[in-house]
């Protein structure tokens, strides 16, 4: 994993929040770009203070629904953080915009990868031509990203049709290599900007014909002249004042779980356009800050044509079945409810989260009581099946389907904050090796039930769980991490003393073997 992470977490506005965040990265084998040598770069602005409030660069976790925003916290209308260079209009009126504030990359072709990023000073780890404390630009479709769809979140300050949306882009297309399909999907986001709601409100095939294009980026130092604002048309999709919306870039070859409803939206957009397909990669934003200065080189540009791919045929639907739970299961155990293949299309949603929780293929039983969970189709949220069982005390018999859960590792926090205490940071570091080989991981966030935390229990507990996830990710834990927020539902103590309340200010980390 890359280092120097800005803390990235997903906020929550409901009383109990699930944020599944698979973070495994695909194996990367490429030179300076993706398949056939194609790539796209996006201009960026790292000057948080000068960026418009309520806007954020964003990418989706591999679950396809959880937004990992540049702010590292729940978004509000006042949030100021890093952004792509973009502009947009609502009802024909220009809204808040961003401008370049970054150090230009001097590109060196990637020859190998290490820890999920280009090895050495290559790709998006190349040297820069500027000085100062700003991160680098451009961020590219390949080499800079390694998880799933990414794009830009905006906060609508007025109601009306989205009549324009543009991002500043540059293209790499070696001579004779056709461009590939890149789609933009418009989603409404949750009240905290932390997850996608429903299916796309609009979708378009991005027209790259006007994108400034180079046949090679090797030894190229980017400048503003290499970029152009590229329009994305969403057919005047309506947006509502006071809501967050996200424009996410994706396509057939993008790794991770496709965003909900994307397959149908992409098929409709593809029907009216001609280009080819690729894959992409994602990386937390702060990995590009504070890197060393490099030399400069004057860039060269030219253009290439597009080509028409054959439309893929839809695979036959496979019969759906999950592991039978029976009348009872034992607390502190987990069952492999689904197969790995099923988990790419389905998600486990617990209806009794105080008893059992889902994480990737696993349904974990944490406490005694009635457990009921739904298996939902990722693409549209439809219920595929509902399972139920009674969780009882006892010792389970281990099998290929059943594993025993060890007692959770507890991370403690300073009062009223999501800052992990130093001693708990050491505990998290100590479990890293085991976590890297886990089937999946559960992190439950909790708050105190007295004083200043009372008004913000659920949100704070969610931020604590997310902070733990970020620390584990920063240590290279490439497994599915599901986070849940419980507020003060499970206090360790009801004492009014601050020292005792510190026991409640915690996150519990369950490693599922």
Protein backbone atom coordinates (compact mmCIF):
# COMPACT_ATOMS: atom_id res chain seq x y z
CA UNK A 1 0.00 0.00 0.00
CA UNK A 2 1.08 3.57 -0.50
CA UNK A 3 2.17 5.58 2.52
CA UNK A 4 1.39 9.10 3.82
CA UNK A 5 -2.36 8.46 3.73
CA UNK A 6 -4.83 11.16 4.51
CA UNK A 7 -7.44 9.52 6.75
CA UNK A 8 -10.34 8.47 4.53
CA UNK A 9 -13.63 7.47 6.05
CA UNK A 10 -17.30 7.36 5.25
CA UNK A 11 -19.83 9.25 7.37
CA UNK A 12 -23.28 8.06 8.43
CA UNK A 13 -26.57 9.82 9.07
CA UNK A 14 -28.64 6.87 10.26
CA UNK A 15 -28.85 5.29 13.69
CA UNK A 16 -26.95 2.21 12.57
CA UNK A 17 -24.63 2.18 9.59
CA UNK A 18 -23.09 -0.54 7.46
CA UNK A 19 -20.18 0.45 5.23
CA UNK A 20 -18.65 -2.57 3.53
CA UNK A 21 -15.23 -1.71 2.23
CA UNK A 22 -13.40 -4.45 0.37
CA UNK A 23 -9.94 -3.15 -0.33
CA UNK A 24 -8.09 -5.93 -2.12
CA UNK A 25 -6.24 -4.62 -5.16
CA UNK A 26 -5.88 -6.51 -8.43
CA UNK A 27 -2.46 -7.65 -9.59
CA UNK A 28 -1.02 -4.94 -11.79
CA UNK A 29 1.13 -5.80 -14.79
CA UNK A 30 1.68 -2.88 -17.17
CA UNK A 31 4.28 -0.40 -18.40
CA UNK A 32 3.27 3.25 -18.49
CA UNK A 33 -0.44 2.60 -18.81
CA UNK A 34 -3.17 0.00 -19.06
CA UNK A 35 -3.96 -2.57 -21.75
CA UNK A 36 -2.72 -1.52 -25.19
CA UNK A 37 -0.82 1.36 -23.57
CA UNK A 38 -3.82 3.70 -23.19
CA UNK A 39 -4.28 6.02 -20.20
CA UNK A 40 -6.14 9.17 -19.12
CA UNK A 41 -4.85 11.86 -16.76
CA UNK A 42 -6.98 14.22 -14.67
CA UNK A 43 -5.88 17.63 -13.48
CA UNK A 44 -6.16 18.17 -9.74
CA UNK A 45 -6.35 20.84 -7.04
CA UNK A 46 -4.80 20.06 -3.64
CA UNK A 47 -5.38 23.53 -2.15
CA UNK A 48 -8.21 22.64 0.23
CA UNK A 49 -8.70 26.17 1.58
CA UNK A 50 -9.29 27.62 -1.91
CA UNK A 51 -11.63 24.85 -3.07
CA UNK A 52 -15.42 25.29 -2.99
CA UNK A 53 -17.20 24.09 0.13
CA UNK A 54 -19.27 20.93 -0.12
CA UNK A 55 -17.22 19.34 -2.91
CA UNK A 56 -14.72 16.46 -2.83
CA UNK A 57 -12.72 14.12 -5.00
CA UNK A 58 -13.97 10.61 -4.36
CA UNK A 59 -13.58 6.97 -5.25
CA UNK A 60 -15.73 3.93 -4.55
CA UNK A 61 -14.59 1.05 -2.42
CA UNK A 62 -14.67 -2.32 -4.16
CA UNK A 63 -18.22 -2.90 -2.86
CA UNK A 64 -19.26 -0.36 -5.49
CA UNK A 65 -21.44 1.72 -3.14
CA UNK A 66 -19.21 3.16 -0.38
CA UNK A 67 -17.73 6.56 -1.25
CA UNK A 68 -14.16 7.11 -0.02
CA UNK A 69 -13.93 10.89 -0.07
CA UNK A 70 -10.86 13.11 -0.03
CA UNK A 71 -12.02 14.86 3.15
CA UNK A 72 -11.47 11.74 5.23
CA UNK A 73 -14.79 12.30 7.01
CA UNK A 74 -18.49 12.75 6.44
CA UNK A 75 -19.17 15.58 4.00
CA UNK A 76 -21.13 18.71 4.87
CA UNK A 77 -22.04 21.80 2.89
CA UNK A 78 -19.02 23.49 4.52
CA UNK A 79 -16.43 20.75 3.79
CA UNK A 80 -13.29 22.05 2.06
CA UNK A 81 -10.95 19.40 0.69
CA UNK A 82 -9.11 18.23 -2.44
CA UNK A 83 -10.90 18.05 -5.80
CA UNK A 84 -10.47 17.28 -9.44
CA UNK A 85 -10.39 20.31 -11.73
CA UNK A 86 -14.00 20.51 -12.95
CA UNK A 87 -16.96 22.81 -13.47
CA UNK A 88 -20.72 22.37 -13.81
CA UNK A 89 -23.95 24.23 -14.47
CA UNK A 90 -27.40 23.79 -12.98
CA UNK A 91 -30.22 25.18 -15.11
CA UNK A 92 -27.59 26.88 -17.26
CA UNK A 93 -26.03 28.78 -14.36
CA UNK A 94 -22.33 28.20 -13.64
CA UNK A 95 -21.81 26.79 -10.13
CA UNK A 96 -18.74 26.64 -7.93
CA UNK A 97 -15.61 25.60 -9.82
CA UNK A 98 -12.05 24.50 -9.11
CA UNK A 99 -8.71 25.41 -10.67
CA UNK A 100 -5.32 23.71 -10.86
CA UNK A 101 -3.30 23.69 -7.63
CA UNK A 102 -0.72 20.91 -7.81
CA UNK A 103 2.86 20.12 -8.83
CA UNK A 104 3.18 18.74 -12.35
CA UNK A 105 4.51 15.20 -12.78
CA UNK A 106 7.60 14.49 -14.86
CA UNK A 107 6.54 11.05 -16.06
CA UNK A 108 8.81 8.00 -16.13
CA UNK A 109 7.40 4.83 -17.63
CA UNK A 110 6.46 2.20 -15.10
CA UNK A 111 8.48 -1.02 -15.35
CA UNK A 112 7.40 -2.75 -12.15
CA UNK A 113 5.01 -2.42 -9.23
CA UNK A 114 5.52 -2.84 -5.50
CA UNK A 115 2.95 -2.59 -2.70
CA UNK A 116 0.18 -1.60 -5.09
CA UNK A 117 1.98 1.37 -6.67
CA UNK A 118 4.54 1.95 -9.43
CA UNK A 119 8.01 1.06 -8.12
CA UNK A 120 10.52 3.86 -7.76
CA UNK A 121 10.00 7.37 -9.14
CA UNK A 122 7.75 6.19 -11.99
CA UNK A 123 4.14 6.64 -13.05
CA UNK A 124 2.25 8.75 -10.54
CA UNK A 125 5.23 8.45 -8.21
CA UNK A 126 7.34 10.35 -10.76
CA UNK A 127 9.27 13.46 -9.77
CA UNK A 128 7.58 16.85 -10.00
CA UNK A 129 8.50 20.14 -11.66
CA UNK A 130 7.25 22.43 -8.92
CA UNK A 131 7.98 23.09 -5.28
CA UNK A 132 5.90 23.63 -2.18
CA UNK A 133 3.55 21.43 -0.19
CA UNK A 134 0.96 20.60 -2.85
CA UNK A 135 0.34 17.08 -4.13
CA UNK A 136 0.92 16.00 -7.71
CA UNK A 137 -1.03 16.16 -10.96
CA UNK A 138 -2.24 14.58 -13.02
CA UNK A 139 -3.81 11.59 -11.32
CA UNK A 140 -4.23 8.92 -13.96
CA UNK A 141 -6.72 6.19 -14.73
CA UNK A 142 -3.91 3.64 -14.59
CA UNK A 143 -0.95 3.77 -12.19
CA UNK A 144 -2.67 6.25 -9.82
CA UNK A 145 -5.79 4.21 -9.00
CA UNK A 146 -6.09 0.56 -8.00
CA UNK A 147 -9.52 -0.31 -6.61
CA UNK A 148 -12.70 0.88 -8.31
CA UNK A 149 -14.64 3.76 -9.88
CA UNK A 150 -13.55 7.32 -9.01
CA UNK A 151 -14.80 10.82 -9.69
CA UNK A 152 -16.12 14.06 -8.23
CA UNK A 153 -18.75 14.82 -5.57
CA UNK A 154 -20.61 18.14 -5.60
CA UNK A 155 -23.15 19.77 -3.30
CA UNK A 156 -26.11 21.21 -5.19
CA UNK A 157 -26.92 24.71 -3.96
CA UNK A 158 -29.91 25.09 -6.25
CA UNK A 159 -32.61 22.88 -7.77
CA UNK A 160 -32.83 22.27 -11.50
CA UNK A 161 -31.42 20.26 -14.42
CA UNK A 162 -27.69 19.50 -14.53
CA UNK A 163 -27.04 21.17 -17.87
CA UNK A 164 -23.22 20.84 -17.88
CA UNK A 165 -20.49 18.83 -16.19
CA UNK A 166 -16.84 18.94 -17.32
CA UNK A 167 -13.51 17.58 -16.05
CA UNK A 168 -10.01 18.63 -17.11
CA UNK A 169 -8.39 15.65 -18.86
CA UNK A 170 -5.40 14.56 -20.95
CA UNK A 171 -5.02 11.31 -22.92
CA UNK A 172 -2.29 8.80 -23.74
CA UNK A 173 -2.82 6.70 -26.88
CA UNK A 174 0.22 5.20 -28.62
CA UNK A 175 0.08 5.39 -32.40
CA UNK A 176 -2.46 2.97 -33.85
CA UNK A 177 -4.01 2.12 -30.48
CA UNK A 178 -7.75 2.88 -30.25
CA UNK A 179 -9.18 4.66 -27.26
CA UNK A 180 -11.32 2.68 -24.88
CA UNK A 181 -14.75 3.11 -23.34
CA UNK A 182 -14.98 5.46 -20.38
CA UNK A 183 -18.41 6.05 -18.85
CA UNK A 184 -19.56 8.72 -16.41
CA UNK A 185 -22.41 7.85 -14.04
CA UNK A 186 -24.34 10.43 -11.99
CA UNK A 187 -25.57 9.28 -8.56
CA UNK A 188 -27.35 10.94 -5.67
CA UNK A 189 -25.38 10.32 -2.45
CA UNK A 190 -26.46 9.84 1.15
CA UNK A 191 -26.87 12.88 3.40
CA UNK A 192 -23.23 12.61 4.53
CA UNK A 193 -21.87 11.95 1.04
CA UNK A 194 -20.73 8.51 2.16
CA UNK A 195 -22.61 6.11 -0.11
CA UNK A 196 -24.53 5.87 -3.37
CA UNK A 197 -28.32 5.94 -3.30
CA UNK A 198 -30.23 3.89 -5.86
CA UNK A 199 -29.29 3.59 -9.51
CA UNK A 200 -27.71 6.22 -11.80
CA UNK A 201 -29.68 9.40 -12.35
CA UNK A 202 -27.77 9.78 -15.61
CA UNK A 203 -25.08 8.05 -17.64
CA UNK A 204 -22.94 8.97 -20.64
CA UNK A 205 -20.09 7.62 -22.72
CA UNK A 206 -17.32 10.21 -22.33
CA UNK A 207 -16.36 11.65 -25.71
CA UNK A 208 -12.55 11.62 -25.76
CA UNK A 209 -12.17 12.89 -29.32
CA UNK A 210 -11.22 16.39 -28.09
CA UNK A 211 -8.94 15.16 -25.30
CA UNK A 212 -5.34 16.43 -25.89
CA UNK A 213 -3.47 13.24 -26.76
CA UNK A 214 0.16 12.11 -26.61
CA UNK A 215 1.63 8.94 -28.11
CA UNK A 216 3.99 8.57 -25.13
CA UNK A 217 4.32 10.04 -21.65
CA UNK A 218 7.86 8.83 -21.00
CA UNK A 219 10.01 11.77 -19.79
CA UNK A 220 7.02 14.06 -20.27
CA UNK A 221 6.48 16.93 -17.85
CA UNK A 222 2.82 17.88 -17.89
CA UNK A 223 1.65 21.48 -18.17
CA UNK A 224 -1.74 23.17 -18.30
CA UNK A 225 -1.50 23.14 -22.11
CA UNK A 226 -1.87 19.35 -22.11
CA UNK A 227 -5.39 19.48 -20.65
CA UNK A 228 -8.87 20.32 -21.90
CA UNK A 229 -12.25 20.48 -20.17
CA UNK A 230 -14.10 17.38 -21.36
CA UNK A 231 -17.92 17.55 -21.25
CA UNK A 232 -20.14 14.80 -19.87
CA UNK A 233 -23.83 14.98 -20.76
CA UNK A 234 -26.41 13.56 -18.38
CA UNK A 235 -29.46 14.59 -20.43
CA UNK A 236 -30.35 17.41 -18.04
CA UNK A 237 -30.81 15.06 -15.09
CA UNK A 238 -32.55 16.94 -12.24
CA UNK A 239 -30.62 17.73 -9.04
CA UNK A 240 -32.04 19.08 -5.78
CA UNK A 241 -30.63 21.84 -3.60
CA UNK A 242 -29.07 20.61 -0.36
CA UNK A 243 -28.12 17.16 -1.68
CA UNK A 244 -24.79 15.57 -2.59
CA UNK A 245 -24.26 14.09 -6.05
CA UNK A 246 -21.31 12.18 -7.44
CA UNK A 247 -20.05 11.74 -10.99
CA UNK A 248 -18.11 8.47 -11.09
CA UNK A 249 -16.01 7.23 -14.00
CA UNK A 250 -16.28 3.54 -14.76
CA UNK A 251 -16.54 0.98 -17.51
CA UNK A 252 -16.61 -2.70 -18.36
CA UNK A 253 -12.96 -3.25 -17.48
CA UNK A 254 -12.86 -1.32 -14.19
CA UNK A 255 -11.98 -3.62 -11.25
CA UNK A 256 -14.14 -4.01 -8.17
CA UNK A 257 -17.89 -4.43 -7.92
CA UNK A 258 -19.74 -2.28 -10.49
CA UNK A 259 -21.80 0.53 -8.91
CA UNK A 260 -25.52 -0.29 -8.48
CA UNK A 261 -27.48 -0.15 -11.73
CA UNK A 262 -24.37 0.62 -13.74
CA UNK A 263 -24.68 -2.34 -16.12
CA UNK A 264 -28.05 -1.20 -17.43
CA UNK A 265 -27.00 2.46 -17.59
CA UNK A 266 -23.76 1.64 -19.41
CA UNK A 267 -25.54 -0.59 -21.91
CA UNK A 268 -27.93 2.24 -22.74
CA UNK A 269 -25.09 4.77 -23.11
CA UNK A 270 -23.02 2.37 -25.19
CA UNK A 271 -25.86 1.83 -27.66
CA UNK A 272 -25.38 5.36 -28.95
CA UNK A 273 -21.56 5.48 -29.09
CA UNK A 274 -18.42 3.78 -30.45
CA UNK A 275 -15.12 3.16 -28.56
CA UNK A 276 -13.13 0.30 -27.00
CA UNK A 277 -12.77 -1.11 -23.44
CA UNK A 278 -10.08 -1.17 -20.69
CA UNK A 279 -9.37 -1.65 -17.01
CA UNK A 280 -8.51 0.87 -14.29
CA UNK A 281 -6.82 1.15 -10.91
CA UNK A 282 -7.56 3.65 -7.37
CA UNK A 283 -5.34 5.13 -4.55
CA UNK A 284 -5.97 7.36 -1.51
CA UNK A 285 -5.40 11.02 -2.27
CA UNK A 286 -2.69 11.99 0.18
CA UNK A 287 -0.30 9.47 -1.35
CA UNK A 288 0.51 12.12 -3.96
CA UNK A 289 1.35 14.92 -1.51
CA UNK A 290 4.79 16.04 -0.34
CA UNK A 291 6.83 14.09 -2.88
CA UNK A 292 10.23 15.12 -4.15
CA UNK A 293 10.93 17.67 -6.84
CA UNK A 294 11.97 16.45 -10.30
CA UNK A 295 13.19 17.84 -13.61
CA UNK A 296 11.12 19.14 -16.52
CA UNK A 297 10.78 18.27 -20.20
CA UNK A 298 8.72 19.91 -22.92
CA UNK A 299 5.78 17.59 -23.85
CA UNK A 300 4.55 16.64 -27.32
CA UNK A 301 0.99 15.83 -28.39
CA UNK A 302 -1.01 14.41 -31.30
CA UNK A 303 -4.33 12.61 -31.85
CA UNK A 304 -5.70 9.14 -32.61
CA UNK A 305 -9.01 7.74 -33.85
CA UNK A 306 -11.71 5.66 -32.14
CA UNK A 307 -12.87 2.11 -32.88
CA UNK A 308 -16.04 0.09 -32.39
CA UNK A 309 -16.03 -2.95 -30.07
CA UNK A 310 -18.36 -5.91 -30.17
CA UNK A 311 -21.01 -5.80 -27.46
CA UNK A 312 -20.42 -8.54 -24.86
CA UNK A 313 -23.08 -11.19 -24.52
CA UNK A 314 -24.83 -11.51 -21.17
CA UNK A 315 -23.78 -14.58 -19.14
CA UNK A 316 -26.38 -17.13 -18.20
CA UNK A 317 -27.81 -16.68 -14.71
CA UNK A 318 -26.60 -19.29 -12.21
CA UNK A 319 -28.95 -20.87 -9.65
CA UNK A 320 -28.82 -19.03 -6.33
CA UNK A 321 -28.34 -20.85 -3.02
CA UNK A 322 -26.62 -20.11 0.30
CA UNK A 323 -25.45 -22.20 3.23
CA UNK A 324 -28.34 -23.45 5.36
CA UNK A 325 -28.13 -22.05 8.89
CA UNK A 326 -30.34 -24.58 10.65
CA UNK A 327 -32.22 -23.97 13.89
CA UNK A 328 -29.22 -22.62 15.81
CA UNK A 329 -25.64 -21.37 15.56
CA UNK A 330 -23.08 -20.54 18.23
CA UNK A 331 -22.01 -17.09 19.36
CA UNK A 332 -18.45 -16.02 18.45
CA UNK A 333 -18.44 -18.04 15.26
CA UNK A 334 -19.02 -17.31 11.57
CA UNK A 335 -20.43 -19.29 8.68
CA UNK A 336 -19.41 -19.05 5.02
CA UNK A 337 -22.86 -18.03 3.86
CA UNK A 338 -21.89 -17.45 0.22
CA UNK A 339 -19.18 -18.38 -2.25
CA UNK A 340 -16.55 -15.90 -3.44
CA UNK A 341 -18.25 -15.80 -6.85
CA UNK A 342 -21.63 -15.01 -5.27
CA UNK A 343 -20.14 -12.18 -3.19
CA UNK A 344 -19.34 -10.30 -6.40
CA UNK A 345 -23.07 -10.04 -7.13
CA UNK A 346 -24.65 -10.19 -3.67
CA UNK A 347 -24.23 -8.55 -0.28
CA UNK A 348 -25.21 -9.76 3.21
CA UNK A 349 -27.38 -7.26 5.11
CA UNK A 350 -28.14 -8.07 8.74
CA UNK A 351 -31.59 -7.12 10.04
CA UNK A 352 -30.44 -7.90 13.59
CA UNK A 353 -27.01 -6.22 13.77
CA UNK A 354 -26.83 -6.50 17.54
CA UNK A 355 -26.67 -10.27 17.10
CA UNK A 356 -25.05 -10.98 13.71
CA UNK A 357 -23.21 -9.05 10.98
CA UNK A 358 -22.24 -9.74 7.38
CA UNK A 359 -18.75 -9.28 5.93
CA UNK A 360 -17.96 -10.43 2.38
CA UNK A 361 -18.88 -14.14 2.20
CA UNK A 362 -19.28 -14.48 5.98
CA UNK A 363 -22.15 -14.10 8.42
CA UNK A 364 -20.65 -13.58 11.89
CA UNK A 365 -22.58 -14.41 15.07
CA UNK A 366 -21.40 -12.09 17.85
CA UNK A 367 -24.05 -12.33 20.57
CA UNK A 368 -26.90 -14.62 21.54
CA UNK A 369 -30.40 -13.94 20.20
CA UNK A 370 -32.37 -14.23 16.97
CA UNK A 371 -30.32 -13.56 13.82
CA UNK A 372 -32.03 -12.55 10.59
CA UNK A 373 -30.14 -11.49 7.49
CA UNK A 374 -30.99 -10.76 3.88
CA UNK A 375 -28.86 -11.51 0.85
CA UNK A 376 -29.34 -8.60 -1.55
CA UNK A 377 -28.40 -8.27 -5.20
CA UNK A 378 -25.76 -5.55 -5.48
CA UNK A 379 -27.04 -4.17 -8.77
CA UNK A 380 -30.55 -3.25 -7.61
CA UNK A 381 -30.91 -4.12 -3.91
CA UNK A 382 -33.50 -6.83 -4.54
CA UNK A 383 -33.74 -9.55 -1.90
CA UNK A 384 -32.39 -12.87 -3.18
CA UNK A 385 -33.09 -14.76 0.04
CA UNK A 386 -33.62 -14.28 3.78
CA UNK A 387 -31.95 -16.50 6.38
CA UNK A 388 -32.65 -16.79 10.08
CA UNK A 389 -31.38 -18.78 13.05
CA UNK A 390 -31.09 -18.55 16.81
CA UNK A 391 -27.62 -17.78 18.16
CA UNK A 392 -26.87 -19.62 21.39
CA UNK A 393 -23.94 -19.95 23.78
CA UNK A 394 -21.59 -22.86 23.22
CA UNK A 395 -18.56 -24.06 21.31
CA UNK A 396 -19.02 -24.61 17.55
CA UNK A 397 -17.61 -27.54 15.63
CA UNK A 398 -15.15 -26.16 13.10
CA UNK A 399 -15.63 -27.20 9.47
CA UNK A 400 -15.11 -25.86 5.96
CA UNK A 401 -18.22 -23.73 6.49
CA UNK A 402 -17.80 -22.76 10.17
CA UNK A 403 -14.94 -20.86 11.85
CA UNK A 404 -14.42 -19.72 15.43
CA UNK A 405 -13.97 -16.01 16.17
CA UNK A 406 -11.30 -14.88 18.60
CA UNK A 407 -12.07 -12.14 21.11
CA UNK A 408 -11.89 -8.77 19.35
CA UNK A 409 -8.92 -6.42 19.53
CA UNK A 410 -10.10 -3.17 21.16
CA UNK A 411 -8.95 0.23 19.93
CA UNK A 412 -9.57 3.15 22.30
CA UNK A 413 -10.10 6.82 21.41
CA UNK A 414 -9.74 10.23 22.97
CA UNK A 415 -13.05 11.63 24.17
CA UNK A 416 -15.17 13.31 21.50
CA UNK A 417 -12.72 12.41 18.70
CA UNK A 418 -11.86 9.67 16.22
CA UNK A 419 -8.17 9.82 17.23
CA UNK A 420 -6.86 6.36 18.12
CA UNK A 421 -4.83 6.36 21.33
CA UNK A 422 -1.10 5.56 20.88
CA UNK A 423 -1.35 2.30 22.85
CA UNK A 424 -4.17 1.12 20.58
CA UNK A 425 -2.18 2.02 17.48
CA UNK A 426 0.42 -0.47 18.70
CA UNK A 427 -2.30 -3.10 19.21
CA UNK A 428 -3.54 -2.56 15.65
CA UNK A 429 0.01 -2.85 14.33
CA UNK A 430 0.44 -6.12 16.23
CA UNK A 431 -2.55 -7.79 14.55
CA UNK A 432 -1.60 -6.64 11.03
CA UNK A 433 0.08 -9.90 9.97
CA UNK A 434 -2.94 -11.97 10.98
CA UNK A 435 -5.36 -9.47 9.45
CA UNK A 436 -3.63 -9.74 6.07
CA UNK A 437 -4.57 -13.42 5.87
CA UNK A 438 -8.10 -13.14 7.29
CA UNK A 439 -11.09 -14.10 5.17
CA UNK A 440 -12.62 -10.74 6.05
CA UNK A 441 -12.74 -8.27 8.93
CA UNK A 442 -15.46 -6.61 11.01
CA UNK A 443 -14.92 -3.32 12.84
CA UNK A 444 -17.67 -2.06 15.14
CA UNK A 445 -17.59 1.53 16.36
CA UNK A 446 -18.87 2.65 19.77
CA UNK A 447 -19.17 5.91 21.70
CA UNK A 448 -19.47 7.08 25.26
CA UNK A 449 -22.98 7.61 26.63
CA UNK A 450 -22.37 10.71 28.70
CA UNK A 451 -21.44 14.37 28.20
CA UNK A 452 -20.29 15.80 24.90
CA UNK A 453 -20.59 12.58 22.92
CA UNK A 454 -24.32 12.18 23.57
CA UNK A 455 -25.46 14.39 20.67
CA UNK A 456 -23.17 12.75 18.13
CA UNK A 457 -23.01 9.11 19.19
CA UNK A 458 -23.68 7.27 15.96
CA UNK A 459 -21.68 9.56 13.68
CA UNK A 460 -18.71 9.56 16.05
CA UNK A 461 -18.78 5.80 16.48
CA UNK A 462 -18.84 5.41 12.70
CA UNK A 463 -15.85 7.73 12.35
CA UNK A 464 -13.97 5.66 14.92
CA UNK A 465 -14.61 2.41 13.06
CA UNK A 466 -13.57 4.08 9.82
CA UNK A 467 -10.38 5.45 11.40
CA UNK A 468 -9.39 1.93 12.43
CA UNK A 469 -10.05 0.70 8.92
CA UNK A 470 -7.80 3.43 7.51
CA UNK A 471 -4.98 2.48 9.88
CA UNK A 472 -5.27 -1.17 8.84
CA UNK A 473 -5.35 -0.24 5.18
CA UNK A 474 -2.25 1.92 5.64
CA UNK A 475 -0.47 -1.19 6.94
CA UNK A 476 -1.34 -3.17 3.83
CA UNK A 477 -4.37 -5.12 5.06
CA UNK A 478 -5.90 -5.97 1.68
CA UNK A 479 -9.02 -7.75 2.89
CA UNK A 480 -12.70 -6.88 2.98
CA UNK A 481 -13.40 -4.65 6.00
CA UNK A 482 -17.01 -4.12 7.04
CA UNK A 483 -17.63 -1.31 9.51
CA UNK A 484 -20.72 -0.85 11.69
CA UNK A 485 -21.66 2.03 13.98
CA UNK A 486 -23.49 1.33 17.23
CA UNK A 487 -23.27 4.65 19.02
CA UNK A 488 -23.81 4.01 22.75
CA UNK A 489 -25.92 0.86 22.24
CA UNK A 490 -23.31 -1.39 23.87
CA UNK A 491 -21.66 0.53 26.73
CA UNK A 492 -19.01 -1.22 28.77
CA UNK A 493 -19.92 0.99 31.72
CA UNK A 494 -22.55 3.53 32.74
CA UNK A 495 -20.20 5.28 35.14
CA UNK A 496 -20.17 9.06 34.80
CA UNK A 497 -16.41 9.35 35.34
CA UNK A 498 -14.37 10.30 32.31
CA UNK A 499 -11.86 7.52 32.98
CA UNK A 500 -14.61 4.90 32.89
CA UNK A 501 -16.25 6.47 29.84
CA UNK A 502 -12.95 5.95 28.02
CA UNK A 503 -13.82 2.23 28.03
CA UNK A 504 -16.89 3.01 25.93
CA UNK A 505 -14.97 5.15 23.42
CA UNK A 506 -13.77 2.24 21.34
CA UNK A 507 -13.80 0.19 18.17
CA UNK A 508 -13.82 -3.61 18.25
CA UNK A 509 -11.88 -5.47 15.54
CA UNK A 510 -13.01 -9.01 14.66
CA UNK A 511 -10.80 -11.03 12.33
CA UNK A 512 -12.76 -13.74 10.51
CA UNK A 513 -10.35 -16.58 9.61
